[in-house]
């Protein structure tokens, strides 16, 4: 018995149709870039941080902002502490004291960096 098999066109090794050589090269390049990590222009990494500190800021600017932030936190915790009673008030005042000590350290570091 002879079985009749359909064969692709005689000149092509591809079963469906002759692919466009440019598309074939593009697909091969994408596959190699994916597997070898040689993509010429990788996508920039997206940061998940909401706030960042600019790398070019000098120490004086950083310490000044730290001092102001600690002063604001100290004012907020002190305001909160006077609305509380009992052990909650003691905890808030303890946090306020830690913030104030940190503020003193930041101010001292600022004085060393930029003596007035």
Protein backbone atom coordinates (compact mmCIF):
# COMPACT_ATOMS: atom_id res chain seq x y z
CA UNK A 1 0.00 0.00 0.00
CA UNK A 2 1.18 3.41 -0.84
CA UNK A 3 0.55 6.10 1.73
CA UNK A 4 0.26 9.57 0.36
CA UNK A 5 2.02 12.14 2.53
CA UNK A 6 1.85 15.84 1.96
CA UNK A 7 5.25 17.36 2.03
CA UNK A 8 6.29 20.96 2.26
CA UNK A 9 7.53 22.71 -0.79
CA UNK A 10 10.67 21.19 -2.17
CA UNK A 11 12.93 24.19 -1.57
CA UNK A 12 11.85 25.04 2.01
CA UNK A 13 12.70 23.38 5.30
CA UNK A 14 9.81 25.14 7.05
CA UNK A 15 6.49 23.27 7.12
CA UNK A 16 4.12 26.24 6.83
CA UNK A 17 5.63 28.97 4.71
CA UNK A 18 8.90 30.70 4.07
CA UNK A 19 9.55 33.16 6.92
CA UNK A 20 10.82 36.65 6.35
CA UNK A 21 14.62 36.54 6.97
CA UNK A 22 14.52 39.88 8.80
CA UNK A 23 11.81 38.65 11.19
CA UNK A 24 13.70 35.38 11.71
CA UNK A 25 16.88 37.32 12.58
CA UNK A 26 14.93 39.60 14.95
CA UNK A 27 13.39 36.61 16.74
CA UNK A 28 16.80 34.93 17.05
CA UNK A 29 18.32 38.13 18.47
CA UNK A 30 15.48 38.49 21.01
CA UNK A 31 15.94 34.87 22.12
CA UNK A 32 19.71 35.29 22.52
CA UNK A 33 19.30 38.58 24.37
CA UNK A 34 16.78 37.00 26.71
CA UNK A 35 18.88 33.94 27.49
CA UNK A 36 22.31 35.56 27.50
CA UNK A 37 21.33 38.91 28.99
CA UNK A 38 23.03 40.91 26.26
CA UNK A 39 20.19 43.26 25.47
CA UNK A 40 21.81 46.53 24.35
CA UNK A 41 19.41 48.88 26.15
CA UNK A 42 18.07 47.26 29.33
CA UNK A 43 15.04 48.82 30.92
CA UNK A 44 15.90 51.01 33.91
CA UNK A 45 15.11 49.50 37.28
CA UNK A 46 11.98 50.96 38.76
CA UNK A 47 12.38 51.99 42.36
CA UNK A 48 9.71 51.03 44.86
CA UNK A 49 10.80 53.73 47.27
CA UNK A 50 8.40 56.59 47.79
CA UNK A 51 11.01 58.96 49.19
CA UNK A 52 14.68 59.15 48.30
CA UNK A 53 17.61 61.33 49.30
CA UNK A 54 19.52 62.90 46.42
CA UNK A 55 23.09 61.58 46.19
CA UNK A 56 24.58 65.02 45.58
CA UNK A 57 23.44 66.60 48.87
CA UNK A 58 26.27 67.66 51.12
CA UNK A 59 26.57 66.70 54.79
CA UNK A 60 25.57 70.14 56.02
CA UNK A 61 22.28 70.05 54.10
CA UNK A 62 21.53 66.51 55.31
CA UNK A 63 22.20 67.39 58.95
CA UNK A 64 20.16 70.60 58.75
CA UNK A 65 17.17 68.70 57.36
CA UNK A 66 17.62 65.96 59.96
CA UNK A 67 17.64 68.55 62.75
CA UNK A 68 14.47 70.21 61.44
CA UNK A 69 12.71 66.85 61.02
CA UNK A 70 13.59 65.82 64.58
CA UNK A 71 12.35 69.19 65.92
CA UNK A 72 9.02 68.66 64.12
CA UNK A 73 8.70 65.11 65.44
CA UNK A 74 9.51 66.33 68.95
CA UNK A 75 6.78 68.99 68.76
CA UNK A 76 4.21 66.45 67.54
CA UNK A 77 5.02 63.87 70.23
CA UNK A 78 4.99 66.50 73.00
CA UNK A 79 1.61 67.75 71.80
CA UNK A 80 0.31 64.17 71.79
CA UNK A 81 1.79 63.41 75.22
CA UNK A 82 -0.20 66.15 76.91
CA UNK A 83 -3.44 64.67 75.58
CA UNK A 84 -2.63 61.26 77.10
CA UNK A 85 -2.71 59.97 80.66
CA UNK A 86 -0.95 57.28 82.64
CA UNK A 87 1.52 54.88 81.06
CA UNK A 88 0.68 56.04 77.52
CA UNK A 89 1.80 59.54 78.47
CA UNK A 90 5.06 58.17 79.92
CA UNK A 91 5.74 56.28 76.68
CA UNK A 92 5.09 59.38 74.55
CA UNK A 93 7.33 61.49 76.78
CA UNK A 94 10.05 58.82 76.56
CA UNK A 95 9.84 58.95 72.77
CA UNK A 96 10.00 62.75 72.93
CA UNK A 97 13.14 62.54 75.04
CA UNK A 98 14.78 60.14 72.57
CA UNK A 99 13.92 62.50 69.72
CA UNK A 100 15.33 65.46 71.64
CA UNK A 101 18.58 63.60 72.34
CA UNK A 102 18.83 62.73 68.66
CA UNK A 103 18.21 66.38 67.78
CA UNK A 104 21.05 67.44 70.10
CA UNK A 105 23.39 64.94 68.40
CA UNK A 106 22.36 66.17 64.94
CA UNK A 107 22.87 69.80 65.96
CA UNK A 108 26.32 68.99 67.40
CA UNK A 109 27.30 67.20 64.16
CA UNK A 110 26.04 70.21 62.20
CA UNK A 111 28.21 72.51 64.34
CA UNK A 112 31.26 70.36 63.58
CA UNK A 113 30.56 70.41 59.83
CA UNK A 114 29.75 74.12 59.64
CA UNK A 115 31.03 76.02 62.68
CA UNK A 116 29.21 79.32 63.15
